[in-house]
């Protein structure tokens, strides 16, 4: 509901060593996702902090307590714009919010799509009564928030997608396959189903031999039951109502096996869900918008897919 949104900018809380003035300016307009976070445990000793490299540059955010959405609205006001919620990766232990969040949002703006970077809670028994649903609660509420505010932000409520990188891809695919799960009291009937999903070197499965073990342990714990593993192995949750998907993966990914994307794609194909997958010979893991190698083609391929599926017009300019 509209009263869930806190419009007060989060000034003074996000200026970390190494951030540029432009980055800070954008982050200062982020707003809180919740007025009351579901399933939260008060823990004064648990505090958000940046992960910094040896030069003091931020490479991620740790221990997220208060989830936010950071808006990047396109200036076009003559048409209703498509929008994407972006879920950065980081193994459910950190958020690579710059490389897999802010930089991606700016690219979306360049092709006429409004973007919202989701700073979601990282699963933790220290601050959550059930850490397995904490990130999904945030993703569902983010989708609903965009739809509730579609008129205000000039969004097309039927073109609200979700994107995820690595573990963020697991969250995005979870949002795409568990959107009917009642993981909190939403107090309205606004749909949490994304209209499309963009999954970039995603973790999809929690099954041994294919999953990313760090993501699995952080989300489900060290001794997850077979039922819980199956529940969050999202290739098993695909049906004919799963949103269309665009998938990217590098064959030489040593962190998240390429079979995560392949198996999800095959499940989409089996259920006749429109989908496209690009598998690159090289690129490894965590290449963001692309590094040297064949994987640098993926943003152009993604734009073409968005045009082909009528999410954006081919008249949009780079």
C-alpha atoms as a PDB file:
ATOM      1  CA  UNK A   1       0.000   0.000   0.000  1.00  0.00           C
ATOM      2  CA  UNK A   2       1.063   3.555  -0.503  1.00  0.00           C
ATOM      3  CA  UNK A   3       1.623   4.102   3.210  1.00  0.00           C
ATOM      4  CA  UNK A   4       4.326   1.437   3.156  1.00  0.00           C
ATOM      5  CA  UNK A   5       6.701   3.721   1.305  1.00  0.00           C
ATOM      6  CA  UNK A   6       9.005   5.997   3.248  1.00  0.00           C
ATOM      7  CA  UNK A   7       9.891   8.932   1.047  1.00  0.00           C
ATOM      8  CA  UNK A   8      12.536  10.442   3.308  1.00  0.00           C
ATOM      9  CA  UNK A   9      15.948  10.183   1.604  1.00  0.00           C
ATOM     10  CA  UNK A  10      18.550   8.154   3.445  1.00  0.00           C
ATOM     11  CA  UNK A  11      21.100  10.969   3.660  1.00  0.00           C
ATOM     12  CA  UNK A  12      24.248  10.446   5.627  1.00  0.00           C
ATOM     13  CA  UNK A  13      23.963   6.677   5.966  1.00  0.00           C
ATOM     14  CA  UNK A  14      25.463   5.439   2.728  1.00  0.00           C
ATOM     15  CA  UNK A  15      28.549   7.562   2.127  1.00  0.00           C
ATOM     16  CA  UNK A  16      31.346   5.041   2.344  1.00  0.00           C
ATOM     17  CA  UNK A  17      35.042   5.417   1.644  1.00  0.00           C
ATOM     18  CA  UNK A  18      35.733   5.187  -2.071  1.00  0.00           C
ATOM     19  CA  UNK A  19      32.290   6.225  -3.342  1.00  0.00           C
ATOM     20  CA  UNK A  20      32.132   8.943  -5.951  1.00  0.00           C
ATOM     21  CA  UNK A  21      30.027  12.054  -5.470  1.00  0.00           C
ATOM     22  CA  UNK A  22      27.751  10.882  -8.293  1.00  0.00           C
ATOM     23  CA  UNK A  23      27.256   7.510  -6.630  1.00  0.00           C
ATOM     24  CA  UNK A  24      26.391   9.144  -3.331  1.00  0.00           C
ATOM     25  CA  UNK A  25      23.988  11.525  -5.040  1.00  0.00           C
ATOM     26  CA  UNK A  26      22.088   8.600  -6.531  1.00  0.00           C
ATOM     27  CA  UNK A  27      22.078   6.505  -3.374  1.00  0.00           C
ATOM     28  CA  UNK A  28      20.750   9.396  -1.322  1.00  0.00           C
ATOM     29  CA  UNK A  29      17.381   9.104  -3.081  1.00  0.00           C
ATOM     30  CA  UNK A  30      16.956   5.450  -2.091  1.00  0.00           C
ATOM     31  CA  UNK A  31      13.875   4.852   0.054  1.00  0.00           C
ATOM     32  CA  UNK A  32      12.992   2.249   2.643  1.00  0.00           C
ATOM     33  CA  UNK A  33      11.011  -0.706   1.348  1.00  0.00           C
ATOM     34  CA  UNK A  34       9.099  -1.354   4.554  1.00  0.00           C
ATOM     35  CA  UNK A  35       7.557   0.598   7.415  1.00  0.00           C
ATOM     36  CA  UNK A  36       7.644  -2.634   9.417  1.00  0.00           C
ATOM     37  CA  UNK A  37       9.970  -5.394   8.238  1.00  0.00           C
ATOM     38  CA  UNK A  38       8.247  -8.796   8.429  1.00  0.00           C
ATOM     39  CA  UNK A  39       9.824 -11.491  10.552  1.00  0.00           C
ATOM     40  CA  UNK A  40      12.560  -9.203  11.843  1.00  0.00           C
ATOM     41  CA  UNK A  41      14.534  -9.676  15.047  1.00  0.00           C
ATOM     42  CA  UNK A  42      15.917  -6.589  16.783  1.00  0.00           C
ATOM     43  CA  UNK A  43      19.682  -6.889  17.112  1.00  0.00           C
ATOM     44  CA  UNK A  44      21.581  -3.725  18.009  1.00  0.00           C
ATOM     45  CA  UNK A  45      24.961  -5.382  17.454  1.00  0.00           C
ATOM     46  CA  UNK A  46      24.179  -6.258  13.814  1.00  0.00           C
ATOM     47  CA  UNK A  47      25.090  -3.254  11.693  1.00  0.00           C
ATOM     48  CA  UNK A  48      25.343  -2.672   7.950  1.00  0.00           C
ATOM     49  CA  UNK A  49      28.852  -2.064   6.660  1.00  0.00           C
ATOM     50  CA  UNK A  50      30.714  -1.748   3.363  1.00  0.00           C
ATOM     51  CA  UNK A  51      33.151  -4.332   2.051  1.00  0.00           C
ATOM     52  CA  UNK A  52      36.253  -2.465   0.929  1.00  0.00           C
ATOM     53  CA  UNK A  53      39.231  -3.467  -1.171  1.00  0.00           C
ATOM     54  CA  UNK A  54      42.862  -2.685  -0.293  1.00  0.00           C
ATOM     55  CA  UNK A  55      42.507   0.802  -1.838  1.00  0.00           C
ATOM     56  CA  UNK A  56      39.432   1.620   0.206  1.00  0.00           C
ATOM     57  CA  UNK A  57      36.992   1.243  -2.688  1.00  0.00           C
ATOM     58  CA  UNK A  58      33.648  -0.323  -1.950  1.00  0.00           C
ATOM     59  CA  UNK A  59      33.142  -3.741  -3.512  1.00  0.00           C
ATOM     60  CA  UNK A  60      29.908  -4.594  -1.761  1.00  0.00           C
ATOM     61  CA  UNK A  61      27.585  -4.139   1.197  1.00  0.00           C
ATOM     62  CA  UNK A  62      27.466  -6.506   4.168  1.00  0.00           C
ATOM     63  CA  UNK A  63      24.808  -7.111   6.837  1.00  0.00           C
ATOM     64  CA  UNK A  64      21.855  -5.340   5.262  1.00  0.00           C
ATOM     65  CA  UNK A  65      19.279  -4.568   7.933  1.00  0.00           C
ATOM     66  CA  UNK A  66      16.904  -2.131   6.223  1.00  0.00           C
ATOM     67  CA  UNK A  67      16.120  -3.013   2.594  1.00  0.00           C
ATOM     68  CA  UNK A  68      15.799  -0.123   0.169  1.00  0.00           C
ATOM     69  CA  UNK A  69      14.965   0.600  -3.457  1.00  0.00           C
ATOM     70  CA  UNK A  70      17.217   2.987  -5.357  1.00  0.00           C
ATOM     71  CA  UNK A  71      15.300   4.489  -8.310  1.00  0.00           C
ATOM     72  CA  UNK A  72      16.785   5.320 -11.704  1.00  0.00           C
ATOM     73  CA  UNK A  73      13.860   6.801 -13.642  1.00  0.00           C
ATOM     74  CA  UNK A  74      14.113   7.523 -17.360  1.00  0.00           C
ATOM     75  CA  UNK A  75      13.156  11.095 -18.332  1.00  0.00           C
ATOM     76  CA  UNK A  76      10.581   9.958 -20.898  1.00  0.00           C
ATOM     77  CA  UNK A  77       7.126  11.084 -19.752  1.00  0.00           C
ATOM     78  CA  UNK A  78       5.211  10.664 -23.012  1.00  0.00           C
ATOM     79  CA  UNK A  79       4.893   6.892 -22.628  1.00  0.00           C
ATOM     80  CA  UNK A  80       4.533   4.467 -19.786  1.00  0.00           C
ATOM     81  CA  UNK A  81       7.967   2.932 -19.265  1.00  0.00           C
ATOM     82  CA  UNK A  82       9.002  -0.632 -18.569  1.00  0.00           C
ATOM     83  CA  UNK A  83      10.840  -1.106 -15.281  1.00  0.00           C
ATOM     84  CA  UNK A  84      13.192  -3.647 -13.730  1.00  0.00           C
ATOM     85  CA  UNK A  85      14.012  -4.506 -10.124  1.00  0.00           C
ATOM     86  CA  UNK A  86      17.742  -5.345  -9.996  1.00  0.00           C
ATOM     87  CA  UNK A  87      19.038  -7.888  -7.459  1.00  0.00           C
ATOM     88  CA  UNK A  88      22.849  -7.719  -7.115  1.00  0.00           C
ATOM     89  CA  UNK A  89      24.764 -10.911  -6.439  1.00  0.00           C
ATOM     90  CA  UNK A  90      27.205 -11.889  -3.731  1.00  0.00           C
ATOM     91  CA  UNK A  91      26.439 -15.418  -2.571  1.00  0.00           C
ATOM     92  CA  UNK A  92      23.686 -14.251  -0.206  1.00  0.00           C
ATOM     93  CA  UNK A  93      26.537 -12.961   1.967  1.00  0.00           C
ATOM     94  CA  UNK A  94      27.286  -9.570   0.388  1.00  0.00           C
ATOM     95  CA  UNK A  95      25.686  -7.330  -2.249  1.00  0.00           C
ATOM     96  CA  UNK A  96      27.829  -6.266  -5.211  1.00  0.00           C
ATOM     97  CA  UNK A  97      25.634  -3.188  -5.441  1.00  0.00           C
ATOM     98  CA  UNK A  98      27.911  -1.109  -7.680  1.00  0.00           C
ATOM     99  CA  UNK A  99      28.961  -3.567 -10.407  1.00  0.00           C
ATOM    100  CA  UNK A 100      25.716  -5.562 -10.415  1.00  0.00           C
ATOM    101  CA  UNK A 101      23.333  -2.816  -9.372  1.00  0.00           C
ATOM    102  CA  UNK A 102      24.094   0.844 -10.012  1.00  0.00           C
ATOM    103  CA  UNK A 103      26.088   0.263 -13.213  1.00  0.00           C
ATOM    104  CA  UNK A 104      23.334  -1.987 -14.574  1.00  0.00           C
ATOM    105  CA  UNK A 105      20.625   0.543 -13.740  1.00  0.00           C
ATOM    106  CA  UNK A 106      22.436   3.215 -15.731  1.00  0.00           C
ATOM    107  CA  UNK A 107      22.604   0.869 -18.714  1.00  0.00           C
ATOM    108  CA  UNK A 108      18.856   0.227 -18.474  1.00  0.00           C
ATOM    109  CA  UNK A 109      18.219   3.969 -18.497  1.00  0.00           C
ATOM    110  CA  UNK A 110      20.231   4.209 -21.729  1.00  0.00           C
ATOM    111  CA  UNK A 111      17.716   1.921 -23.480  1.00  0.00           C
ATOM    112  CA  UNK A 112      14.634   3.595 -22.035  1.00  0.00           C
ATOM    113  CA  UNK A 113      13.903   1.383 -19.041  1.00  0.00           C
ATOM    114  CA  UNK A 114      13.461   2.648 -15.498  1.00  0.00           C
ATOM    115  CA  UNK A 115      15.458   0.625 -12.990  1.00  0.00           C
ATOM    116  CA  UNK A 116      15.294   0.113  -9.243  1.00  0.00           C
ATOM    117  CA  UNK A 117      18.289  -1.365  -7.432  1.00  0.00           C
ATOM    118  CA  UNK A 118      17.071  -3.563  -4.586  1.00  0.00           C
ATOM    119  CA  UNK A 119      19.261  -3.592  -1.504  1.00  0.00           C
ATOM    120  CA  UNK A 120      17.736  -6.757  -0.087  1.00  0.00           C
ATOM    121  CA  UNK A 121      18.367  -8.342   3.284  1.00  0.00           C
ATOM    122  CA  UNK A 122      20.999 -11.041   3.286  1.00  0.00           C
ATOM    123  CA  UNK A 123      19.715 -14.168   5.058  1.00  0.00           C
ATOM    124  CA  UNK A 124      20.750 -14.240   8.706  1.00  0.00           C
ATOM    125  CA  UNK A 125      19.401 -15.954  11.814  1.00  0.00           C
ATOM    126  CA  UNK A 126      20.643 -12.908  13.748  1.00  0.00           C
ATOM    127  CA  UNK A 127      17.941 -10.617  12.337  1.00  0.00           C
ATOM    128  CA  UNK A 128      15.290 -12.952  10.829  1.00  0.00           C
ATOM    129  CA  UNK A 129      12.840 -15.435  12.294  1.00  0.00           C
ATOM    130  CA  UNK A 130      13.086 -17.387   9.012  1.00  0.00           C
ATOM    131  CA  UNK A 131      16.082 -16.459   6.911  1.00  0.00           C
ATOM    132  CA  UNK A 132      14.956 -18.644   3.992  1.00  0.00           C
ATOM    133  CA  UNK A 133      12.128 -16.203   3.149  1.00  0.00           C
ATOM    134  CA  UNK A 134      13.742 -12.869   4.053  1.00  0.00           C
ATOM    135  CA  UNK A 135      15.153 -12.059   0.586  1.00  0.00           C
ATOM    136  CA  UNK A 136      11.954 -13.255  -1.122  1.00  0.00           C
ATOM    137  CA  UNK A 137       9.872 -10.990   1.100  1.00  0.00           C
ATOM    138  CA  UNK A 138      11.935  -8.043  -0.096  1.00  0.00           C
ATOM    139  CA  UNK A 139      11.730  -9.056  -3.768  1.00  0.00           C
ATOM    140  CA  UNK A 140       7.967  -9.543  -3.653  1.00  0.00           C
ATOM    141  CA  UNK A 141       7.450  -6.212  -1.925  1.00  0.00           C
ATOM    142  CA  UNK A 142       9.725  -4.482  -4.441  1.00  0.00           C
ATOM    143  CA  UNK A 143       7.614  -5.742  -7.372  1.00  0.00           C
ATOM    144  CA  UNK A 144       4.432  -4.703  -5.576  1.00  0.00           C
ATOM    145  CA  UNK A 145       5.885  -1.294  -4.754  1.00  0.00           C
ATOM    146  CA  UNK A 146       6.577  -0.579  -8.425  1.00  0.00           C
ATOM    147  CA  UNK A 147       3.035  -1.565  -9.369  1.00  0.00           C
ATOM    148  CA  UNK A 148       1.474   0.488  -6.560  1.00  0.00           C
ATOM    149  CA  UNK A 149       3.409   3.539  -7.717  1.00  0.00           C
ATOM    150  CA  UNK A 150       3.195   2.971 -11.474  1.00  0.00           C
ATOM    151  CA  UNK A 151       1.287   6.198 -12.123  1.00  0.00           C
ATOM    152  CA  UNK A 152       3.597   8.297  -9.983  1.00  0.00           C
ATOM    153  CA  UNK A 153       6.743   6.934 -11.642  1.00  0.00           C
ATOM    154  CA  UNK A 154       5.241   6.690 -15.147  1.00  0.00           C
ATOM    155  CA  UNK A 155       5.618   2.911 -15.298  1.00  0.00           C
ATOM    156  CA  UNK A 156       3.702   0.330 -17.297  1.00  0.00           C
ATOM    157  CA  UNK A 157       2.358  -1.964 -14.578  1.00  0.00           C
ATOM    158  CA  UNK A 158       2.292  -4.828 -17.112  1.00  0.00           C
ATOM    159  CA  UNK A 159       5.995  -4.483 -17.895  1.00  0.00           C
ATOM    160  CA  UNK A 160       7.576  -4.871 -14.465  1.00  0.00           C
ATOM    161  CA  UNK A 161      10.509  -7.268 -14.566  1.00  0.00           C
ATOM    162  CA  UNK A 162      13.176  -8.573 -12.246  1.00  0.00           C
ATOM    163  CA  UNK A 163      16.876  -9.106 -12.878  1.00  0.00           C
ATOM    164  CA  UNK A 164      19.465 -10.945 -10.841  1.00  0.00           C
ATOM    165  CA  UNK A 165      23.161 -11.740 -10.933  1.00  0.00           C
ATOM    166  CA  UNK A 166      24.583 -14.914  -9.373  1.00  0.00           C
ATOM    167  CA  UNK A 167      22.804 -15.340  -5.988  1.00  0.00           C
ATOM    168  CA  UNK A 168      20.714 -12.347  -7.003  1.00  0.00           C
ATOM    169  CA  UNK A 169      19.718 -14.529  -9.956  1.00  0.00           C
ATOM    170  CA  UNK A 170      18.518 -17.128  -7.487  1.00  0.00           C
ATOM    171  CA  UNK A 171      16.421 -14.466  -5.796  1.00  0.00           C
ATOM    172  CA  UNK A 172      15.069 -13.268  -9.163  1.00  0.00           C
ATOM    173  CA  UNK A 173      14.203 -16.823 -10.224  1.00  0.00           C
ATOM    174  CA  UNK A 174      12.645 -17.443  -6.807  1.00  0.00           C
ATOM    175  CA  UNK A 175      10.497 -14.339  -7.256  1.00  0.00           C
ATOM    176  CA  UNK A 176       9.564 -15.686 -10.703  1.00  0.00           C
ATOM    177  CA  UNK A 177       8.536 -19.139  -9.451  1.00  0.00           C
ATOM    178  CA  UNK A 178       7.336 -18.446  -5.879  1.00  0.00           C
ATOM    179  CA  UNK A 179       5.282 -15.303  -6.498  1.00  0.00           C
ATOM    180  CA  UNK A 180       2.144 -16.982  -5.122  1.00  0.00           C
ATOM    181  CA  UNK A 181       3.891 -17.938  -1.882  1.00  0.00           C
ATOM    182  CA  UNK A 182       2.416 -15.931   0.985  1.00  0.00           C
ATOM    183  CA  UNK A 183       5.625 -15.062   2.820  1.00  0.00           C
ATOM    184  CA  UNK A 184       4.227 -11.943   4.530  1.00  0.00           C
ATOM    185  CA  UNK A 185       0.943 -10.093   4.930  1.00  0.00           C
ATOM    186  CA  UNK A 186       0.852  -7.761   1.930  1.00  0.00           C
ATOM    187  CA  UNK A 187      -2.487  -6.195   2.982  1.00  0.00           C
ATOM    188  CA  UNK A 188      -3.568  -5.814  -0.648  1.00  0.00           C
ATOM    189  CA  UNK A 189      -4.011  -7.922  -3.763  1.00  0.00           C
ATOM    190  CA  UNK A 190      -1.277  -6.331  -5.898  1.00  0.00           C
ATOM    191  CA  UNK A 191       0.502  -9.069  -7.847  1.00  0.00           C
ATOM    192  CA  UNK A 192       4.082  -9.981  -6.962  1.00  0.00           C
ATOM    193  CA  UNK A 193       4.579 -11.824 -10.268  1.00  0.00           C
ATOM    194  CA  UNK A 194       7.298 -10.291 -12.451  1.00  0.00           C
ATOM    195  CA  UNK A 195       6.305  -9.878 -16.099  1.00  0.00           C
ATOM    196  CA  UNK A 196       9.761 -11.039 -17.221  1.00  0.00           C
ATOM    197  CA  UNK A 197      13.068 -12.080 -15.693  1.00  0.00           C
ATOM    198  CA  UNK A 198      16.665 -11.463 -16.718  1.00  0.00           C
ATOM    199  CA  UNK A 199      19.034 -13.988 -15.147  1.00  0.00           C
ATOM    200  CA  UNK A 200      22.760 -13.361 -15.451  1.00  0.00           C
ATOM    201  CA  UNK A 201      25.094 -16.221 -14.434  1.00  0.00           C
ATOM    202  CA  UNK A 202      22.366 -17.168 -11.947  1.00  0.00           C
ATOM    203  CA  UNK A 203      22.306 -19.630  -9.116  1.00  0.00           C
ATOM    204  CA  UNK A 204      19.072 -21.533  -9.814  1.00  0.00           C
ATOM    205  CA  UNK A 205      19.375 -24.866  -8.044  1.00  0.00           C
ATOM    206  CA  UNK A 206      20.111 -25.843  -4.446  1.00  0.00           C
ATOM    207  CA  UNK A 207      20.901 -29.429  -5.456  1.00  0.00           C
ATOM    208  CA  UNK A 208      24.339 -30.820  -4.624  1.00  0.00           C
ATOM    209  CA  UNK A 209      26.705 -30.951  -7.573  1.00  0.00           C
ATOM    210  CA  UNK A 210      25.151 -27.994  -9.348  1.00  0.00           C
ATOM    211  CA  UNK A 211      24.456 -25.350  -6.698  1.00  0.00           C
ATOM    212  CA  UNK A 212      26.798 -22.678  -5.416  1.00  0.00           C
ATOM    213  CA  UNK A 213      27.502 -24.028  -1.948  1.00  0.00           C
ATOM    214  CA  UNK A 214      28.033 -20.636  -0.319  1.00  0.00           C
ATOM    215  CA  UNK A 215      24.676 -19.357  -1.531  1.00  0.00           C
ATOM    216  CA  UNK A 216      22.962 -22.568  -0.459  1.00  0.00           C
ATOM    217  CA  UNK A 217      24.445 -22.540   3.037  1.00  0.00           C
ATOM    218  CA  UNK A 218      23.759 -18.842   3.572  1.00  0.00           C
ATOM    219  CA  UNK A 219      20.120 -19.182   2.499  1.00  0.00           C
ATOM    220  CA  UNK A 220      19.144 -22.631   3.767  1.00  0.00           C
ATOM    221  CA  UNK A 221      21.713 -23.384   6.470  1.00  0.00           C
ATOM    222  CA  UNK A 222      24.254 -26.162   6.772  1.00  0.00           C
ATOM    223  CA  UNK A 223      21.748 -28.965   7.333  1.00  0.00           C
ATOM    224  CA  UNK A 224      18.907 -28.133   4.975  1.00  0.00           C
ATOM    225  CA  UNK A 225      16.203 -30.764   4.580  1.00  0.00           C
ATOM    226  CA  UNK A 226      15.557 -32.456   1.267  1.00  0.00           C
ATOM    227  CA  UNK A 227      12.182 -30.716   1.092  1.00  0.00           C
ATOM    228  CA  UNK A 228      13.750 -27.285   1.581  1.00  0.00           C
ATOM    229  CA  UNK A 229      16.431 -27.986  -1.036  1.00  0.00           C
ATOM    230  CA  UNK A 230      13.762 -29.058  -3.520  1.00  0.00           C
ATOM    231  CA  UNK A 231      11.597 -26.025  -2.711  1.00  0.00           C
ATOM    232  CA  UNK A 232      14.359 -23.574  -3.584  1.00  0.00           C
ATOM    233  CA  UNK A 233      15.698 -25.500  -6.581  1.00  0.00           C
ATOM    234  CA  UNK A 234      13.778 -23.217  -8.894  1.00  0.00           C
ATOM    235  CA  UNK A 235      14.188 -25.326 -12.028  1.00  0.00           C
ATOM    236  CA  UNK A 236      11.714 -27.671 -10.304  1.00  0.00           C
ATOM    237  CA  UNK A 237       9.183 -24.868  -9.751  1.00  0.00           C
ATOM    238  CA  UNK A 238       8.716 -23.746 -13.347  1.00  0.00           C
ATOM    239  CA  UNK A 239       5.226 -24.040 -14.845  1.00  0.00           C
ATOM    240  CA  UNK A 240       3.296 -22.538 -17.731  1.00  0.00           C
ATOM    241  CA  UNK A 241       2.734 -19.310 -15.762  1.00  0.00           C
ATOM    242  CA  UNK A 242       6.420 -18.667 -15.051  1.00  0.00           C
ATOM    243  CA  UNK A 243       7.482 -15.314 -16.549  1.00  0.00           C
ATOM    244  CA  UNK A 244       9.482 -15.283 -19.806  1.00  0.00           C
ATOM    245  CA  UNK A 245      13.206 -15.312 -19.156  1.00  0.00           C
ATOM    246  CA  UNK A 246      16.482 -14.210 -20.705  1.00  0.00           C
ATOM    247  CA  UNK A 247      19.525 -16.111 -19.437  1.00  0.00           C
ATOM    248  CA  UNK A 248      23.279 -15.488 -19.696  1.00  0.00           C
ATOM    249  CA  UNK A 249      26.078 -17.786 -18.547  1.00  0.00           C
ATOM    250  CA  UNK A 250      29.720 -18.542 -19.335  1.00  0.00           C
ATOM    251  CA  UNK A 251      30.658 -22.170 -19.911  1.00  0.00           C
ATOM    252  CA  UNK A 252      33.881 -21.744 -17.931  1.00  0.00           C
ATOM    253  CA  UNK A 253      32.077 -20.419 -14.829  1.00  0.00           C
ATOM    254  CA  UNK A 254      33.873 -22.162 -11.952  1.00  0.00           C
ATOM    255  CA  UNK A 255      31.662 -20.675  -9.214  1.00  0.00           C
ATOM    256  CA  UNK A 256      28.134 -21.311 -10.504  1.00  0.00           C
ATOM    257  CA  UNK A 257      27.959 -24.216 -12.983  1.00  0.00           C
ATOM    258  CA  UNK A 258      26.397 -23.377 -16.332  1.00  0.00           C
ATOM    259  CA  UNK A 259      23.914 -26.216 -15.775  1.00  0.00           C
ATOM    260  CA  UNK A 260      21.972 -23.845 -13.491  1.00  0.00           C
ATOM    261  CA  UNK A 261      20.920 -21.794 -16.522  1.00  0.00           C
ATOM    262  CA  UNK A 262      20.608 -24.804 -18.840  1.00  0.00           C
ATOM    263  CA  UNK A 263      18.234 -26.692 -16.547  1.00  0.00           C
ATOM    264  CA  UNK A 264      16.058 -23.612 -15.963  1.00  0.00           C
ATOM    265  CA  UNK A 265      15.912 -22.989 -19.715  1.00  0.00           C
ATOM    266  CA  UNK A 266      14.914 -26.602 -20.384  1.00  0.00           C
ATOM    267  CA  UNK A 267      12.148 -26.340 -17.771  1.00  0.00           C
ATOM    268  CA  UNK A 268      10.886 -23.148 -19.437  1.00  0.00           C
ATOM    269  CA  UNK A 269      11.001 -24.850 -22.840  1.00  0.00           C
ATOM    270  CA  UNK A 270       9.104 -27.882 -21.515  1.00  0.00           C
ATOM    271  CA  UNK A 271       6.376 -25.575 -20.223  1.00  0.00           C
ATOM    272  CA  UNK A 272       6.291 -23.515 -23.448  1.00  0.00           C
ATOM    273  CA  UNK A 273       7.425 -20.327 -21.714  1.00  0.00           C
ATOM    274  CA  UNK A 274       9.115 -17.831 -24.043  1.00  0.00           C
ATOM    275  CA  UNK A 275      12.809 -17.791 -23.224  1.00  0.00           C
ATOM    276  CA  UNK A 276      16.255 -17.191 -24.654  1.00  0.00           C
ATOM    277  CA  UNK A 277      19.646 -18.341 -23.404  1.00  0.00           C
ATOM    278  CA  UNK A 278      23.160 -17.283 -24.400  1.00  0.00           C
ATOM    279  CA  UNK A 279      26.046 -19.509 -23.328  1.00  0.00           C
ATOM    280  CA  UNK A 280      29.485 -18.025 -23.840  1.00  0.00           C
ATOM    281  CA  UNK A 281      32.722 -19.915 -24.269  1.00  0.00           C
ATOM    282  CA  UNK A 282      34.504 -17.797 -21.687  1.00  0.00           C
ATOM    283  CA  UNK A 283      33.963 -15.088 -19.142  1.00  0.00           C
ATOM    284  CA  UNK A 284      34.065 -16.995 -15.868  1.00  0.00           C
ATOM    285  CA  UNK A 285      31.848 -15.642 -13.131  1.00  0.00           C
ATOM    286  CA  UNK A 286      30.894 -12.146 -12.058  1.00  0.00           C
ATOM    287  CA  UNK A 287      31.561 -10.318 -15.329  1.00  0.00           C
ATOM    288  CA  UNK A 288      28.793  -7.749 -14.837  1.00  0.00           C
ATOM    289  CA  UNK A 289      28.172  -5.831 -18.063  1.00  0.00           C
ATOM    290  CA  UNK A 290      31.018  -7.790 -19.658  1.00  0.00           C
ATOM    291  CA  UNK A 291      34.780  -8.203 -19.656  1.00  0.00           C
ATOM    292  CA  UNK A 292      37.126  -9.080 -22.504  1.00  0.00           C
ATOM    293  CA  UNK A 293      35.701 -12.075 -24.290  1.00  0.00           C
ATOM    294  CA  UNK A 294      32.543 -13.188 -26.003  1.00  0.00           C
ATOM    295  CA  UNK A 295      30.348 -12.386 -23.009  1.00  0.00           C
ATOM    296  CA  UNK A 296      30.634  -8.640 -23.747  1.00  0.00           C
ATOM    297  CA  UNK A 297      27.852  -9.139 -26.293  1.00  0.00           C
ATOM    298  CA  UNK A 298      25.166  -9.883 -23.749  1.00  0.00           C
ATOM    299  CA  UNK A 299      23.759  -6.354 -23.172  1.00  0.00           C
ATOM    300  CA  UNK A 300      23.084  -5.970 -26.907  1.00  0.00           C
ATOM    301  CA  UNK A 301      21.476  -9.418 -26.988  1.00  0.00           C
ATOM    302  CA  UNK A 302      19.375  -8.508 -23.959  1.00  0.00           C
ATOM    303  CA  UNK A 303      18.163  -5.309 -25.631  1.00  0.00           C
ATOM    304  CA  UNK A 304      17.193  -7.278 -28.739  1.00  0.00           C
ATOM    305  CA  UNK A 305      15.230  -9.755 -26.610  1.00  0.00           C
ATOM    306  CA  UNK A 306      13.413  -6.942 -24.817  1.00  0.00           C
ATOM    307  CA  UNK A 307      12.461  -5.452 -28.197  1.00  0.00           C
ATOM    308  CA  UNK A 308      11.395  -8.816 -29.621  1.00  0.00           C
ATOM    309  CA  UNK A 309       9.132  -9.393 -26.626  1.00  0.00           C
ATOM    310  CA  UNK A 310       7.639  -5.877 -26.912  1.00  0.00           C
ATOM    311  CA  UNK A 311       8.933  -4.786 -23.526  1.00  0.00           C
ATOM    312  CA  UNK A 312      10.643  -1.818 -25.141  1.00  0.00           C
ATOM    313  CA  UNK A 313      10.248  -0.224 -28.550  1.00  0.00           C
ATOM    314  CA  UNK A 314      12.940  -0.555 -31.184  1.00  0.00           C
ATOM    315  CA  UNK A 315      12.764   3.243 -31.437  1.00  0.00           C
ATOM    316  CA  UNK A 316      14.438   3.568 -28.035  1.00  0.00           C
ATOM    317  CA  UNK A 317      17.874   5.074 -28.413  1.00  0.00           C
ATOM    318  CA  UNK A 318      21.112   3.877 -26.863  1.00  0.00           C
END
